[in-house]
């Protein structure tokens, strides 16, 4: 439809520390799975590529809000 979305290389965090800011991007992409580890799918990318991975919620990921 011609629309696009910008996902910054905002890095990730663990606790109060941030890592790879300006190098990697990690964004939550699903509702947490409370039935197991509380993890969720996330979209990750860096200069080498991109992929969808499962991560525990202790790993900080960005949230990209979307409105209609």
Protein backbone atom coordinates (compact mmCIF):
# COMPACT_ATOMS: atom_id res chain seq x y z
CA UNK A 1 0.00 0.00 0.00
CA UNK A 2 3.03 2.29 -0.09
CA UNK A 3 3.27 2.66 3.69
CA UNK A 4 6.56 2.16 5.46
CA UNK A 5 7.87 1.92 9.01
CA UNK A 6 11.17 3.11 10.50
CA UNK A 7 12.86 0.83 13.03
CA UNK A 8 15.93 2.45 14.57
CA UNK A 9 19.06 0.60 15.59
CA UNK A 10 18.22 1.27 19.22
CA UNK A 11 20.17 -1.69 20.61
CA UNK A 12 18.90 -3.74 23.53
CA UNK A 13 19.11 -3.66 27.29
CA UNK A 14 19.55 -5.98 30.19
CA UNK A 15 18.80 -4.52 33.58
CA UNK A 16 19.83 -0.87 33.45
CA UNK A 17 22.59 -1.41 30.86
CA UNK A 18 22.12 -0.74 27.12
CA UNK A 19 24.07 -2.59 24.45
CA UNK A 20 24.80 -2.11 20.73
CA UNK A 21 22.98 1.21 20.43
CA UNK A 22 23.39 2.39 16.85
CA UNK A 23 24.43 -1.10 15.70
CA UNK A 24 21.51 -3.50 16.32
CA UNK A 25 17.74 -3.26 16.50
CA UNK A 26 15.51 -5.56 18.58
CA UNK A 27 11.74 -5.14 18.71
CA UNK A 28 9.07 -7.18 20.45
CA UNK A 29 6.74 -8.69 17.88
CA UNK A 30 4.17 -10.70 19.82
CA UNK A 31 2.22 -10.98 23.03
CA UNK A 32 4.26 -12.68 25.77
CA UNK A 33 3.72 -16.41 26.20
CA UNK A 34 2.74 -16.58 29.87
CA UNK A 35 2.25 -20.38 29.73
CA UNK A 36 5.98 -21.09 29.58
CA UNK A 37 8.92 -18.76 30.13
CA UNK A 38 7.12 -15.51 29.48
CA UNK A 39 9.18 -14.98 26.35
CA UNK A 40 7.98 -13.59 23.05
CA UNK A 41 9.04 -13.34 19.43
CA UNK A 42 11.15 -10.39 18.44
CA UNK A 43 12.50 -8.96 15.22
CA UNK A 44 16.24 -8.41 15.35
CA UNK A 45 18.61 -6.90 12.81
CA UNK A 46 22.19 -5.77 12.43
CA UNK A 47 24.56 -5.10 9.54
CA UNK A 48 24.71 -8.86 8.84
CA UNK A 49 21.00 -9.44 8.37
CA UNK A 50 17.70 -9.83 10.12
CA UNK A 51 15.52 -12.52 11.66
CA UNK A 52 12.71 -13.37 14.02
CA UNK A 53 13.79 -14.97 17.28
CA UNK A 54 12.38 -16.04 20.64
CA UNK A 55 13.68 -14.15 23.68
CA UNK A 56 12.95 -14.18 27.38
CA UNK A 57 11.41 -11.02 28.77
CA UNK A 58 14.50 -10.34 30.87
CA UNK A 59 16.09 -9.22 27.60
CA UNK A 60 15.03 -5.66 26.96
CA UNK A 61 13.59 -4.98 23.53
CA UNK A 62 12.04 -1.87 22.07
CA UNK A 63 8.32 -1.57 21.46
CA UNK A 64 7.11 0.10 18.27
CA UNK A 65 3.62 1.46 18.95
CA UNK A 66 1.20 1.50 16.03
CA UNK A 67 -2.08 3.35 15.78
CA UNK A 68 -4.77 3.31 13.14
